[in-house]
Amino acid sequence: MGSRLVLTDAGSMVQRIVLPGGANETLTSAQIWRALAKASFAVVGYVTPGGEPRSSGVVYATAGKRLYAVVAADSWKARHIAASGQVAVTVPVRRGGLLSLLLPIPPATISFHAAAIVHPAGPIASGAVPAQLTSLLPAERRDKSCVIEIVPEGWFVTYGIGVSLMKMRDTSAARARLPVAKD
């Protein structure tokens, strides 16, 4: 596995790992952030205080370089994530448009690990989360829910992002590993 410096679309230099077999060379961290902003569902993995792995689906919204999910304050998800402060996240990115209705096209994915901050229950509409997430939450649950702030760290690991559907069949061309650019 080699590495090289790549000029991003924001004009800054970042180190990018080049995977064997000619992985997608044109993909940037900025493109990953745009794909995350368009999506709204993620699978969040975490570990219980007893060391048992768990995963749960969440609806999220982005603001800046963070993801925000709202969960019930008394949920296991909120308690376990607050205990460790670390999560693994996979966001499926639907591909194929109308073609996906006819053929079994798997989604592309963006995976990363992240620091997770569980904010206490309270008025959500006070600006703690992006407006698009607040609008998805029923009004009667807004004061009884807590916000999980997810801050990606390290690397994005992607599959099928920025490549054609045909190239998704070629594992080496469909995968990429890019730094999480927070600027």
N, C-alpha and C. Protein backbone atom coordinates (compact mmCIF):
# COMPACT_ATOMS: atom_id res chain seq x y z
N MET A 1 0.86 -1.16 0.00
CA MET A 1 0.00 0.00 0.00
C MET A 1 0.90 1.22 0.00
N GLY A 2 0.75 2.10 -0.95
CA GLY A 2 1.54 3.31 -1.01
C GLY A 2 0.75 4.52 -0.57
N SER A 3 1.43 5.64 -0.48
CA SER A 3 0.70 6.87 -0.18
C SER A 3 1.26 7.96 -1.06
N ARG A 4 0.47 8.99 -1.24
CA ARG A 4 0.94 10.12 -2.02
C ARG A 4 0.15 11.34 -1.62
N LEU A 5 0.70 12.50 -1.94
CA LEU A 5 -0.01 13.74 -1.66
C LEU A 5 -0.93 14.04 -2.82
N VAL A 6 -2.13 14.48 -2.51
CA VAL A 6 -3.13 14.77 -3.53
C VAL A 6 -3.66 16.17 -3.28
N LEU A 7 -3.83 16.96 -4.32
CA LEU A 7 -4.42 18.28 -4.21
C LEU A 7 -5.94 18.11 -4.18
N THR A 8 -6.57 18.56 -3.11
CA THR A 8 -8.02 18.40 -2.97
C THR A 8 -8.73 19.50 -3.73
N ASP A 9 -10.07 19.35 -3.87
CA ASP A 9 -10.83 20.37 -4.57
C ASP A 9 -10.90 21.67 -3.77
N ALA A 10 -10.51 21.64 -2.50
CA ALA A 10 -10.46 22.86 -1.70
C ALA A 10 -9.09 23.53 -1.85
N GLY A 11 -8.17 22.91 -2.60
CA GLY A 11 -6.87 23.48 -2.84
C GLY A 11 -5.83 23.13 -1.80
N SER A 12 -6.14 22.29 -0.83
CA SER A 12 -5.17 21.93 0.19
C SER A 12 -4.57 20.56 -0.13
N MET A 13 -3.38 20.33 0.39
CA MET A 13 -2.71 19.05 0.18
C MET A 13 -3.05 18.11 1.33
N VAL A 14 -3.41 16.88 1.01
CA VAL A 14 -3.66 15.87 2.04
C VAL A 14 -2.94 14.59 1.64
N GLN A 15 -2.57 13.80 2.64
CA GLN A 15 -1.98 12.50 2.32
C GLN A 15 -3.11 11.52 2.12
N ARG A 16 -3.02 10.74 1.09
CA ARG A 16 -4.07 9.78 0.76
C ARG A 16 -3.44 8.42 0.54
N ILE A 17 -4.03 7.41 1.14
CA ILE A 17 -3.54 6.06 0.94
C ILE A 17 -4.08 5.54 -0.39
N VAL A 18 -3.21 4.98 -1.19
CA VAL A 18 -3.62 4.39 -2.46
C VAL A 18 -3.67 2.88 -2.27
N LEU A 19 -4.84 2.31 -2.42
CA LEU A 19 -5.00 0.87 -2.22
C LEU A 19 -4.47 0.10 -3.42
N PRO A 20 -3.99 -1.11 -3.19
CA PRO A 20 -3.49 -1.92 -4.30
C PRO A 20 -4.57 -2.12 -5.36
N GLY A 21 -4.15 -2.18 -6.61
CA GLY A 21 -5.08 -2.48 -7.69
C GLY A 21 -5.73 -1.25 -8.29
N GLY A 22 -5.23 -0.06 -8.00
CA GLY A 22 -5.73 1.13 -8.68
C GLY A 22 -7.05 1.64 -8.16
N ALA A 23 -7.20 1.78 -6.86
CA ALA A 23 -8.44 2.30 -6.28
C ALA A 23 -8.75 3.69 -6.84
N ASN A 24 -9.95 4.09 -6.69
CA ASN A 24 -10.44 5.36 -7.22
C ASN A 24 -9.53 6.52 -6.82
N GLU A 25 -8.82 7.07 -7.78
CA GLU A 25 -7.84 8.12 -7.53
C GLU A 25 -8.45 9.51 -7.47
N THR A 26 -9.67 9.68 -7.92
CA THR A 26 -10.24 11.02 -8.00
C THR A 26 -11.13 11.37 -6.82
N LEU A 27 -11.39 10.45 -5.95
CA LEU A 27 -12.27 10.67 -4.81
C LEU A 27 -11.58 11.55 -3.77
N THR A 28 -12.32 12.51 -3.21
CA THR A 28 -11.77 13.39 -2.18
C THR A 28 -12.61 13.32 -0.91
N SER A 29 -12.04 13.75 0.18
CA SER A 29 -12.77 13.80 1.45
C SER A 29 -13.97 14.73 1.33
N ALA A 30 -13.84 15.80 0.56
CA ALA A 30 -14.97 16.74 0.38
C ALA A 30 -16.15 16.02 -0.28
N GLN A 31 -15.89 15.13 -1.24
CA GLN A 31 -16.97 14.36 -1.87
C GLN A 31 -17.64 13.43 -0.86
N ILE A 32 -16.85 12.87 0.04
CA ILE A 32 -17.41 12.00 1.07
C ILE A 32 -18.33 12.80 1.98
N TRP A 33 -17.88 13.99 2.40
CA TRP A 33 -18.73 14.83 3.26
C TRP A 33 -20.03 15.20 2.55
N ARG A 34 -19.95 15.47 1.24
CA ARG A 34 -21.19 15.79 0.49
C ARG A 34 -22.13 14.59 0.46
N ALA A 35 -21.58 13.39 0.27
CA ALA A 35 -22.42 12.18 0.27
C ALA A 35 -23.04 11.95 1.64
N LEU A 36 -22.28 12.19 2.71
CA LEU A 36 -22.83 12.06 4.06
C LEU A 36 -23.96 13.06 4.30
N ALA A 37 -23.80 14.26 3.77
CA ALA A 37 -24.83 15.30 3.95
C ALA A 37 -26.12 14.94 3.20
N LYS A 38 -26.00 14.23 2.09
CA LYS A 38 -27.20 13.84 1.32
C LYS A 38 -27.93 12.66 1.93
N ALA A 39 -27.19 11.78 2.61
CA ALA A 39 -27.80 10.60 3.23
C ALA A 39 -28.45 10.99 4.55
N SER A 40 -29.22 10.08 5.13
CA SER A 40 -29.86 10.38 6.42
C SER A 40 -29.95 9.18 7.35
N PHE A 41 -29.45 8.02 6.91
CA PHE A 41 -29.52 6.81 7.74
C PHE A 41 -28.12 6.24 7.90
N ALA A 42 -27.81 5.80 9.12
CA ALA A 42 -26.52 5.17 9.39
C ALA A 42 -26.71 4.03 10.37
N VAL A 43 -25.79 3.08 10.32
CA VAL A 43 -25.72 2.03 11.32
C VAL A 43 -24.56 2.39 12.23
N VAL A 44 -24.86 2.51 13.53
CA VAL A 44 -23.86 2.90 14.52
C VAL A 44 -23.52 1.68 15.36
N GLY A 45 -22.26 1.35 15.40
CA GLY A 45 -21.78 0.24 16.23
C GLY A 45 -21.13 0.79 17.48
N TYR A 46 -21.34 0.09 18.59
CA TYR A 46 -20.76 0.51 19.86
C TYR A 46 -20.58 -0.72 20.73
N VAL A 47 -19.98 -0.55 21.89
CA VAL A 47 -19.72 -1.65 22.80
C VAL A 47 -20.41 -1.35 24.12
N THR A 48 -21.06 -2.35 24.69
CA THR A 48 -21.71 -2.18 25.98
C THR A 48 -20.63 -2.10 27.07
N PRO A 49 -20.98 -1.59 28.24
CA PRO A 49 -20.00 -1.58 29.33
C PRO A 49 -19.46 -2.97 29.66
N GLY A 50 -20.21 -4.02 29.35
CA GLY A 50 -19.76 -5.40 29.56
C GLY A 50 -18.90 -5.93 28.43
N GLY A 51 -18.64 -5.10 27.41
CA GLY A 51 -17.78 -5.49 26.30
C GLY A 51 -18.49 -6.20 25.16
N GLU A 52 -19.82 -6.21 25.15
CA GLU A 52 -20.55 -6.86 24.08
C GLU A 52 -20.80 -5.89 22.93
N PRO A 53 -20.57 -6.31 21.70
CA PRO A 53 -20.81 -5.41 20.56
C PRO A 53 -22.29 -5.28 20.26
N ARG A 54 -22.69 -4.11 19.85
CA ARG A 54 -24.07 -3.83 19.45
C ARG A 54 -24.04 -2.89 18.25
N SER A 55 -25.12 -2.89 17.50
CA SER A 55 -25.28 -1.90 16.44
C SER A 55 -26.74 -1.50 16.35
N SER A 56 -26.98 -0.28 15.94
CA SER A 56 -28.34 0.24 15.84
C SER A 56 -28.41 1.20 14.67
N GLY A 57 -29.57 1.25 14.05
CA GLY A 57 -29.79 2.21 12.99
C GLY A 57 -30.21 3.54 13.59
N VAL A 58 -29.75 4.62 13.00
CA VAL A 58 -30.14 5.96 13.43
C VAL A 58 -30.42 6.82 12.20
N VAL A 59 -31.33 7.75 12.37
CA VAL A 59 -31.53 8.80 11.38
C VAL A 59 -30.66 9.96 11.84
N TYR A 60 -29.94 10.56 10.91
CA TYR A 60 -29.02 11.63 11.29
C TYR A 60 -29.12 12.79 10.31
N ALA A 61 -28.51 13.89 10.71
CA ALA A 61 -28.33 15.04 9.84
C ALA A 61 -26.92 15.55 10.08
N THR A 62 -26.37 16.27 9.12
CA THR A 62 -25.02 16.81 9.27
C THR A 62 -25.08 18.31 9.48
N ALA A 63 -24.08 18.80 10.16
CA ALA A 63 -23.84 20.25 10.30
C ALA A 63 -22.34 20.39 10.42
N GLY A 64 -21.76 21.12 9.51
CA GLY A 64 -20.31 21.19 9.49
C GLY A 64 -19.74 19.82 9.23
N LYS A 65 -18.77 19.43 9.98
CA LYS A 65 -18.12 18.12 9.82
C LYS A 65 -18.52 17.17 10.95
N ARG A 66 -19.80 17.20 11.31
CA ARG A 66 -20.34 16.36 12.36
C ARG A 66 -21.68 15.79 11.94
N LEU A 67 -22.02 14.65 12.51
CA LEU A 67 -23.33 14.05 12.32
C LEU A 67 -24.07 14.14 13.65
N TYR A 68 -25.38 14.32 13.59
CA TYR A 68 -26.20 14.42 14.79
C TYR A 68 -27.37 13.45 14.67
N ALA A 69 -27.57 12.66 15.72
CA ALA A 69 -28.70 11.75 15.78
C ALA A 69 -29.44 12.03 17.08
N VAL A 70 -30.74 11.85 17.06
CA VAL A 70 -31.56 12.04 18.26
C VAL A 70 -32.10 10.68 18.67
N VAL A 71 -31.91 10.34 19.95
CA VAL A 71 -32.38 9.06 20.47
C VAL A 71 -33.07 9.30 21.81
N ALA A 72 -33.86 8.33 22.24
CA ALA A 72 -34.53 8.43 23.54
C ALA A 72 -33.48 8.49 24.64
N ALA A 73 -33.67 9.40 25.58
CA ALA A 73 -32.70 9.60 26.65
C ALA A 73 -32.51 8.36 27.51
N ASP A 74 -33.54 7.53 27.63
CA ASP A 74 -33.45 6.34 28.47
C ASP A 74 -33.12 5.08 27.67
N SER A 75 -32.68 5.23 26.44
CA SER A 75 -32.39 4.07 25.59
C SER A 75 -31.03 3.47 25.93
N TRP A 76 -30.89 2.18 25.65
CA TRP A 76 -29.61 1.52 25.81
C TRP A 76 -28.56 2.19 24.92
N LYS A 77 -28.98 2.57 23.73
CA LYS A 77 -28.08 3.21 22.79
C LYS A 77 -27.43 4.45 23.43
N ALA A 78 -28.24 5.31 24.02
CA ALA A 78 -27.71 6.53 24.64
C ALA A 78 -26.79 6.18 25.81
N ARG A 79 -27.18 5.24 26.64
CA ARG A 79 -26.36 4.87 27.81
C ARG A 79 -25.04 4.25 27.40
N HIS A 80 -25.06 3.29 26.49
CA HIS A 80 -23.84 2.59 26.10
C HIS A 80 -22.87 3.50 25.35
N ILE A 81 -23.39 4.33 24.46
CA ILE A 81 -22.51 5.24 23.71
C ILE A 81 -21.91 6.28 24.65
N ALA A 82 -22.68 6.78 25.60
CA ALA A 82 -22.16 7.75 26.56
C ALA A 82 -21.04 7.13 27.40
N ALA A 83 -21.16 5.85 27.72
CA ALA A 83 -20.15 5.18 28.56
C ALA A 83 -18.80 5.08 27.86
N SER A 84 -18.80 4.79 26.56
CA SER A 84 -17.52 4.61 25.86
C SER A 84 -17.06 5.86 25.11
N GLY A 85 -17.99 6.62 24.59
CA GLY A 85 -17.62 7.81 23.82
C GLY A 85 -17.05 7.50 22.44
N GLN A 86 -17.13 6.24 22.01
CA GLN A 86 -16.60 5.84 20.72
C GLN A 86 -17.64 5.03 19.96
N VAL A 87 -17.73 5.24 18.65
CA VAL A 87 -18.64 4.47 17.80
C VAL A 87 -17.95 4.16 16.48
N ALA A 88 -18.49 3.16 15.80
CA ALA A 88 -18.14 2.87 14.41
C ALA A 88 -19.40 3.15 13.62
N VAL A 89 -19.27 3.78 12.47
CA VAL A 89 -20.43 4.20 11.69
C VAL A 89 -20.30 3.69 10.26
N THR A 90 -21.40 3.16 9.73
CA THR A 90 -21.47 2.82 8.31
C THR A 90 -22.73 3.46 7.75
N VAL A 91 -22.53 4.25 6.69
CA VAL A 91 -23.63 4.92 6.02
C VAL A 91 -23.83 4.26 4.66
N PRO A 92 -24.98 3.61 4.44
CA PRO A 92 -25.26 3.07 3.10
C PRO A 92 -25.68 4.22 2.18
N VAL A 93 -25.14 4.21 0.98
CA VAL A 93 -25.46 5.25 -0.01
C VAL A 93 -26.13 4.56 -1.18
N ARG A 94 -27.40 4.82 -1.34
CA ARG A 94 -28.18 4.15 -2.39
C ARG A 94 -27.65 4.50 -3.77
N ARG A 95 -27.55 3.50 -4.62
CA ARG A 95 -27.07 3.68 -5.98
C ARG A 95 -28.03 3.03 -6.95
N GLY A 96 -28.01 3.45 -8.18
CA GLY A 96 -28.73 2.74 -9.23
C GLY A 96 -30.01 3.37 -9.70
N GLY A 97 -30.59 4.31 -8.96
CA GLY A 97 -31.82 4.95 -9.39
C GLY A 97 -32.90 3.94 -9.72
N LEU A 98 -33.55 4.12 -10.85
CA LEU A 98 -34.62 3.20 -11.27
C LEU A 98 -34.10 1.79 -11.52
N LEU A 99 -32.85 1.69 -11.93
CA LEU A 99 -32.26 0.38 -12.20
C LEU A 99 -32.26 -0.49 -10.93
N SER A 100 -32.12 0.14 -9.77
CA SER A 100 -32.08 -0.63 -8.52
C SER A 100 -33.43 -1.27 -8.19
N LEU A 101 -34.50 -0.80 -8.83
CA LEU A 101 -35.80 -1.43 -8.64
C LEU A 101 -35.92 -2.73 -9.41
N LEU A 102 -35.11 -2.88 -10.46
CA LEU A 102 -35.15 -4.07 -11.30
C LEU A 102 -34.06 -5.09 -10.97
N LEU A 103 -32.92 -4.60 -10.52
CA LEU A 103 -31.78 -5.47 -10.26
C LEU A 103 -31.32 -5.30 -8.81
N PRO A 104 -30.78 -6.36 -8.22
CA PRO A 104 -30.31 -6.26 -6.83
C PRO A 104 -28.96 -5.54 -6.76
N ILE A 105 -28.99 -4.21 -6.70
CA ILE A 105 -27.77 -3.42 -6.63
C ILE A 105 -27.52 -3.05 -5.17
N PRO A 106 -26.42 -3.52 -4.61
CA PRO A 106 -26.14 -3.18 -3.21
C PRO A 106 -25.77 -1.71 -3.09
N PRO A 107 -26.01 -1.12 -1.93
CA PRO A 107 -25.64 0.28 -1.76
C PRO A 107 -24.12 0.42 -1.67
N ALA A 108 -23.65 1.60 -2.00
CA ALA A 108 -22.27 1.96 -1.72
C ALA A 108 -22.21 2.23 -0.21
N THR A 109 -21.02 2.28 0.36
CA THR A 109 -20.93 2.52 1.81
C THR A 109 -19.79 3.47 2.14
N ILE A 110 -19.99 4.19 3.23
CA ILE A 110 -18.96 5.03 3.83
C ILE A 110 -18.87 4.57 5.29
N SER A 111 -17.69 4.16 5.71
CA SER A 111 -17.50 3.70 7.09
C SER A 111 -16.38 4.51 7.74
N PHE A 112 -16.49 4.69 9.05
CA PHE A 112 -15.46 5.41 9.80
C PHE A 112 -15.67 5.18 11.29
N HIS A 113 -14.66 5.49 12.06
CA HIS A 113 -14.84 5.48 13.51
C HIS A 113 -14.94 6.94 13.95
N ALA A 114 -15.53 7.14 15.14
CA ALA A 114 -15.81 8.51 15.56
C ALA A 114 -15.87 8.63 17.07
N ALA A 115 -15.60 9.83 17.52
CA ALA A 115 -15.89 10.18 18.91
C ALA A 115 -17.38 10.49 18.96
N ALA A 116 -18.03 10.12 20.05
CA ALA A 116 -19.47 10.36 20.18
C ALA A 116 -19.74 11.05 21.51
N ILE A 117 -20.44 12.15 21.43
CA ILE A 117 -20.80 12.92 22.61
C ILE A 117 -22.31 12.84 22.76
N VAL A 118 -22.77 12.33 23.90
CA VAL A 118 -24.20 12.23 24.15
C VAL A 118 -24.60 13.44 24.98
N HIS A 119 -25.37 14.33 24.37
CA HIS A 119 -25.84 15.53 25.06
C HIS A 119 -27.11 15.18 25.84
N PRO A 120 -27.28 15.73 27.03
CA PRO A 120 -28.45 15.37 27.85
C PRO A 120 -29.77 15.80 27.21
N ALA A 121 -30.83 15.15 27.66
CA ALA A 121 -32.17 15.46 27.16
C ALA A 121 -32.51 16.90 27.48
N GLY A 122 -33.29 17.48 26.62
CA GLY A 122 -33.72 18.87 26.80
C GLY A 122 -34.29 19.41 25.52
N PRO A 123 -34.56 20.69 25.51
CA PRO A 123 -35.15 21.28 24.30
C PRO A 123 -34.21 21.16 23.10
N ILE A 124 -34.63 20.39 22.13
CA ILE A 124 -33.81 20.15 20.93
C ILE A 124 -33.90 21.32 19.97
N ALA A 125 -35.01 21.99 19.95
CA ALA A 125 -35.21 23.07 18.98
C ALA A 125 -34.35 24.29 19.27
N SER A 126 -33.57 24.27 20.34
CA SER A 126 -32.74 25.42 20.70
C SER A 126 -31.53 25.60 19.81
N GLY A 127 -31.42 24.81 18.77
CA GLY A 127 -30.31 24.96 17.85
C GLY A 127 -29.20 23.95 18.08
N ALA A 128 -29.41 22.96 18.95
CA ALA A 128 -28.40 21.96 19.24
C ALA A 128 -28.19 21.00 18.07
N VAL A 129 -29.19 20.86 17.22
CA VAL A 129 -29.08 19.95 16.07
C VAL A 129 -29.54 20.68 14.81
N PRO A 130 -29.12 20.18 13.67
CA PRO A 130 -29.56 20.80 12.41
C PRO A 130 -31.08 20.79 12.28
N ALA A 131 -31.61 21.82 11.64
CA ALA A 131 -33.06 21.97 11.48
C ALA A 131 -33.70 20.77 10.79
N GLN A 132 -33.01 20.16 9.80
CA GLN A 132 -33.61 19.04 9.09
C GLN A 132 -33.81 17.84 10.00
N LEU A 133 -32.98 17.68 11.04
CA LEU A 133 -33.17 16.58 11.98
C LEU A 133 -34.30 16.92 12.95
N THR A 134 -34.36 18.14 13.40
CA THR A 134 -35.42 18.56 14.31
C THR A 134 -36.78 18.35 13.66
N SER A 135 -36.89 18.63 12.38
CA SER A 135 -38.17 18.48 11.69
C SER A 135 -38.61 17.02 11.59
N LEU A 136 -37.66 16.07 11.65
CA LEU A 136 -38.00 14.65 11.59
C LEU A 136 -38.48 14.10 12.92
N LEU A 137 -38.22 14.81 13.99
CA LEU A 137 -38.55 14.33 15.33
C LEU A 137 -39.91 14.86 15.75
N PRO A 138 -40.84 13.98 16.14
CA PRO A 138 -42.17 14.45 16.58
C PRO A 138 -42.04 15.43 17.75
N ALA A 139 -42.86 16.45 17.76
CA ALA A 139 -42.79 17.49 18.78
C ALA A 139 -42.87 16.93 20.19
N GLU A 140 -43.69 15.90 20.40
CA GLU A 140 -43.85 15.35 21.75
C GLU A 140 -42.60 14.63 22.27
N ARG A 141 -41.65 14.31 21.38
CA ARG A 141 -40.41 13.63 21.81
C ARG A 141 -39.23 14.57 21.96
N ARG A 142 -39.36 15.80 21.54
CA ARG A 142 -38.21 16.71 21.50
C ARG A 142 -37.61 17.00 22.87
N ASP A 143 -38.40 17.11 23.91
CA ASP A 143 -37.86 17.39 25.24
C ASP A 143 -37.39 16.15 25.98
N LYS A 144 -37.73 14.96 25.47
CA LYS A 144 -37.39 13.71 26.14
C LYS A 144 -36.30 12.94 25.41
N SER A 145 -35.65 13.59 24.49
CA SER A 145 -34.62 12.93 23.69
C SER A 145 -33.27 13.58 23.92
N CYS A 146 -32.23 12.79 23.69
CA CYS A 146 -30.89 13.35 23.76
C CYS A 146 -30.26 13.32 22.38
N VAL A 147 -29.28 14.14 22.21
CA VAL A 147 -28.59 14.27 20.93
C VAL A 147 -27.25 13.56 21.02
N ILE A 148 -26.97 12.72 20.02
CA ILE A 148 -25.64 12.11 19.91
C ILE A 148 -24.91 12.86 18.82
N GLU A 149 -23.83 13.51 19.19
CA GLU A 149 -22.98 14.24 18.26
C GLU A 149 -21.85 13.31 17.86
N ILE A 150 -21.73 13.04 16.58
CA ILE A 150 -20.75 12.08 16.06
C ILE A 150 -19.68 12.85 15.29
N VAL A 151 -18.44 12.73 15.75
CA VAL A 151 -17.32 13.46 15.15
C VAL A 151 -16.37 12.45 14.51
N PRO A 152 -16.44 12.30 13.17
CA PRO A 152 -15.58 11.33 12.49
C PRO A 152 -14.10 11.61 12.76
N GLU A 153 -13.33 10.52 12.89
CA GLU A 153 -11.89 10.62 13.14
C GLU A 153 -11.14 9.69 12.21
N GLY A 154 -9.90 10.02 11.95
CA GLY A 154 -9.02 9.10 11.22
C GLY A 154 -9.30 9.04 9.73
N TRP A 155 -9.92 7.95 9.29
CA TRP A 155 -10.07 7.68 7.87
C TRP A 155 -11.50 7.32 7.51
N PHE A 156 -11.91 7.75 6.31
CA PHE A 156 -13.13 7.23 5.69
C PHE A 156 -12.72 6.00 4.90
N VAL A 157 -13.45 4.91 5.03
CA VAL A 157 -13.25 3.73 4.21
C VAL A 157 -14.52 3.60 3.37
N THR A 158 -14.37 3.65 2.06
CA THR A 158 -15.54 3.68 1.19
C THR A 158 -15.56 2.48 0.26
N TYR A 159 -16.75 2.18 -0.20
CA TYR A 159 -16.92 1.17 -1.25
C TYR A 159 -18.00 1.68 -2.21
N GLY A 160 -17.63 1.84 -3.47
CA GLY A 160 -18.60 2.22 -4.49
C GLY A 160 -18.91 3.71 -4.57
N ILE A 161 -18.19 4.53 -3.85
CA ILE A 161 -18.41 5.97 -3.90
C ILE A 161 -17.52 6.55 -5.00
N GLY A 162 -18.11 7.32 -5.89
CA GLY A 162 -17.33 7.96 -6.95
C GLY A 162 -16.93 7.06 -8.10
N VAL A 163 -17.55 5.87 -8.20
CA VAL A 163 -17.27 4.97 -9.32
C VAL A 163 -18.59 4.57 -9.98
N SER A 164 -18.52 4.12 -11.20
CA SER A 164 -19.72 3.68 -11.90
C SER A 164 -20.24 2.38 -11.29
N LEU A 165 -21.49 2.07 -11.59
CA LEU A 165 -22.05 0.80 -11.10
C LEU A 165 -21.26 -0.40 -11.61
N MET A 166 -20.80 -0.33 -12.83
CA MET A 166 -20.01 -1.43 -13.39
C MET A 166 -18.69 -1.60 -12.62
N LYS A 167 -18.07 -0.49 -12.23
CA LYS A 167 -16.80 -0.59 -11.50
C LYS A 167 -16.99 -1.10 -10.08
N MET A 168 -18.23 -1.04 -9.55
CA MET A 168 -18.47 -1.57 -8.21
C MET A 168 -18.20 -3.07 -8.16
N ARG A 169 -18.25 -3.73 -9.31
CA ARG A 169 -17.98 -5.17 -9.36
C ARG A 169 -16.50 -5.47 -9.16
N ASP A 170 -15.64 -4.48 -9.40
CA ASP A 170 -14.19 -4.62 -9.24
C ASP A 170 -13.82 -4.06 -7.87
N THR A 171 -13.60 -4.95 -6.92
CA THR A 171 -13.35 -4.55 -5.54
C THR A 171 -12.22 -3.52 -5.42
N SER A 172 -11.13 -3.75 -6.11
CA SER A 172 -9.99 -2.84 -5.97
C SER A 172 -10.29 -1.46 -6.53
N ALA A 173 -11.14 -1.36 -7.54
CA ALA A 173 -11.49 -0.06 -8.10
C ALA A 173 -12.58 0.64 -7.29
N ALA A 174 -13.39 -0.13 -6.59
CA ALA A 174 -14.55 0.44 -5.89
C ALA A 174 -14.24 0.90 -4.47
N ARG A 175 -13.10 0.50 -3.92
CA ARG A 175 -12.81 0.89 -2.53
C ARG A 175 -11.79 2.01 -2.48
N ALA A 176 -11.87 2.77 -1.40
CA ALA A 176 -10.92 3.85 -1.18
C ALA A 176 -10.80 4.11 0.31
N ARG A 177 -9.71 4.72 0.69
CA ARG A 177 -9.46 5.10 2.08
C ARG A 177 -8.91 6.50 2.05
N LEU A 178 -9.66 7.44 2.64
CA LEU A 178 -9.27 8.84 2.61
C LEU A 178 -9.29 9.43 4.01
N PRO A 179 -8.44 10.42 4.27
CA PRO A 179 -8.46 11.04 5.59
C PRO A 179 -9.75 11.82 5.82
N VAL A 180 -10.17 11.84 7.08
CA VAL A 180 -11.31 12.66 7.46
C VAL A 180 -10.78 14.09 7.54
N ALA A 181 -11.14 14.91 6.58
CA ALA A 181 -10.71 16.31 6.57
C ALA A 181 -11.71 17.12 7.35
N LYS A 182 -11.27 17.77 8.41
CA LYS A 182 -12.18 18.50 9.27
C LYS A 182 -12.21 19.99 8.98
N ASP A 183 -11.40 20.44 8.05
CA ASP A 183 -11.35 21.89 7.75
C ASP A 183 -12.47 22.29 6.84
